[in-house]
Amino acid sequence: MLAAPLLRARTTRNGSIIPLFCTRDEEIELAGRLIQEFEASWKNRESKAELDGRISDIESEHNRDFKLVRGLCALLERRCTFGSAITSSSPSSSSSSFVKNSIGADAVTSITLGDPATVRKALFEESSRRGFALTDLERKEIIDLVASRLHLSADAIASIMWSDLDDNLVLEKFDTIDAKSLVGWYNLALVQTLLFNCTKLEFSVSGGLNWKRILRKVKRLGLMYYLLQQQESKDGERSRVVCSIEGPLSLFRLTDRYGTALAKLLPSIVFLSKGGEWSIDAWIMRRTMEGKKTLYEFKLSDSEAPLLLTDPFYYNNNNGDESSRREEGQQQRSRLAPDYFDSVVEEKFARRFEAAATAGWKLIREPDPLIVSDGRALIPDFMFEKYGRRVYLEIVGFWTPEYLERKLKKLADIIIGNYNAAASSTTTPATELFIALNKDLACSNAVLSSLSIHLIPKDRLILYGSDAVPVRPILDYLKSIDKETVERSVSNPDLKAELDRAKDVISIDEIVIVDVKRQGKDSNPSLPPEVAMKIALRDHGDKYIEVAGTHLVSKAKAGRLRPLLADVSKFTDACAALAQNEIPESCHAELVSKLGYDVVWQSMDPSSAAIVKRNERNESNAA
């Protein structure tokens, strides 16, 4: 994106605005010439003032296109690293040699990056004590005095004093670029600059994968958006999904940050995977020569865009599946990394949820979109998944009353619409959706009460403040699902537990649950292990006992183990006997108890613990 004064665009009588893209060979040659100037300046380690002087000469040759020259240079400067000539690591350039000769080689090696500010401070403090230097003699006396204190020459003081000013900085590094890439980058920057002053942006793309990727980007950038189905033909046979985004000028504050976020979205639209189709339609606010604000329409599509349109910093996923999987893998490996979240609010919530006892519920960031009845879509911030059941959470941070009103109606449509669909169908599950609303952004309670909050069920609405969404309402709801699922599964006569009867010790992972209605193990329901354990006890509780919640031990095996503990008094000896009989270590303590013994701990050391038969212990306590 460029500074607003560098925007090159023309308006038409029909109310359109068109950026002046670079398409001619002469403009590509100009870009190449500017790149050469930057490369030469880097090679010779020239000061920024020297580089700017040569750029000014080129600008004077292209007086009619001075905005083009300045715009291209603005982009090239983003690929530059400037540093102070005093601290330059290579003193071979003309500017470095001048400084070295004027202040001395020893002084150059001893000066640090903060020295120019230190020298200025010392000079100004001395000038303040003595009174302002009104003559060259007084100025020289102040410089000489400060130079003696800092053990430098007067020439060194004069050279160091302003060495960190912008014009005196030296081009230390330049990340070069070819002319066509620079022109393509400039064309993209023109569109980004134009969109910075838009009131609304609508765009459409082809392909579900492209939509998913772009909508995720919209969510990550925190842009206010909604989707709708738009008819392309009068007969209604053709339609397309259009995403409408509120422009920066629709906000009362934070417009710069929001506009920058909108500019970051543009590459995701125009650089689609596998060359998909795209189009954008924006309304741009501009001031006329008379100072009057006028709204112009800006349209651009893949068929109308200039051939040179690139972004050197954008990762263009042209290979599709492999790169997508790699990107998804990186996201999964760093799910709780700070840059993975849109905001601190979401990061805090995710960390608190992961730290809580979630009983196997999987937290998924930005799941697949939810479709509203009128064709709109919503990508919630989080999804919680278990048993094949999904619960969604949408966190609303920035909002205006108009934006929140649309959001509430969309959420209500999803909740109520899917509930009605689930009630009339045995195969369509109801969408379980929570909304967390930042109440700190409301001017007053009257603002909230005037909106359609009543459309959201009270048990699905979470009001939060201080950038912290409470986790408890979500956890309580998930626990209720756990309880409901366990009870329903255990009471379902069609679910049967299959065990290997030849084994006396069976791990919870070895329990196979079969739906007898569907015939065969391929129909094994996606139930968590703890539910499978309860079904196994229901079906085989007469032959097995549960130990530690992770294993089943046959009652016959338990009967053979009981006599082994009769002559054992130490807990460690009991564990050794159980281990010899293939009982897992995690089951030792509980199995000892289920065999009729209590473990008496004398200290934290297991070797000092003893086992006592329960009825004998009761008799000794009574005595």
Foldseek 3Di string as FASTA:
>chain_A
DDPLVLFAWDADPVFAIGGDADFDPVLLVLLQVLLVLLVVLQVQQHFQLVSVVVLVVVCVVVVVNNSSSVLLVVVQVVQWDWAFLLQDPDLPHPLSVVLCVQWHVVVSVVDDRCVLVVLQVQLVVQCVVVDHDPDPVSSQVSLCVSCVVVVIHSSNSVCSNCRGPRRNITGNDGDGDRSLLSSQASLLVSVLSQLLQFQKKKKFWDDPVLVLVLVVLCVLLVWQKKKFWAAPDPVSPDITIMIMTGGLVNDPDPSVSSSVSVSVSVCSQQLDAPPIKMKMKTWGWDADPVRDTDIGIYIDINVRRHPRHDDPPDDRPHVPDVVVVVVVVVCVVPVLPPSSHSDPLLSQLVVVCVPDPQPPWDKDAFDDWDAFPRGMTHGAGIWTDALNDIAGEHEDDDDDLVSVQVVQVRVLRLQVVQVVVVVVDVPRDGHHYAYEYEPVPDPDVVSVVVGVNVSDPPLRYFYDYPSYTDPVSVSVVSVVVVVVVLVVLLPDPQWAWDDDVVDQKAWLVRIQIDRNVVDDSVRGRRHDSLSSVSNCCVHCVVFWDDFPSTMTGGVVVLVVLLVVCPPFWALVVSLVSVVVVVDDSSRSQRSLVVSQWHWADPDPDSRPITIDGNVVVVVVVVD
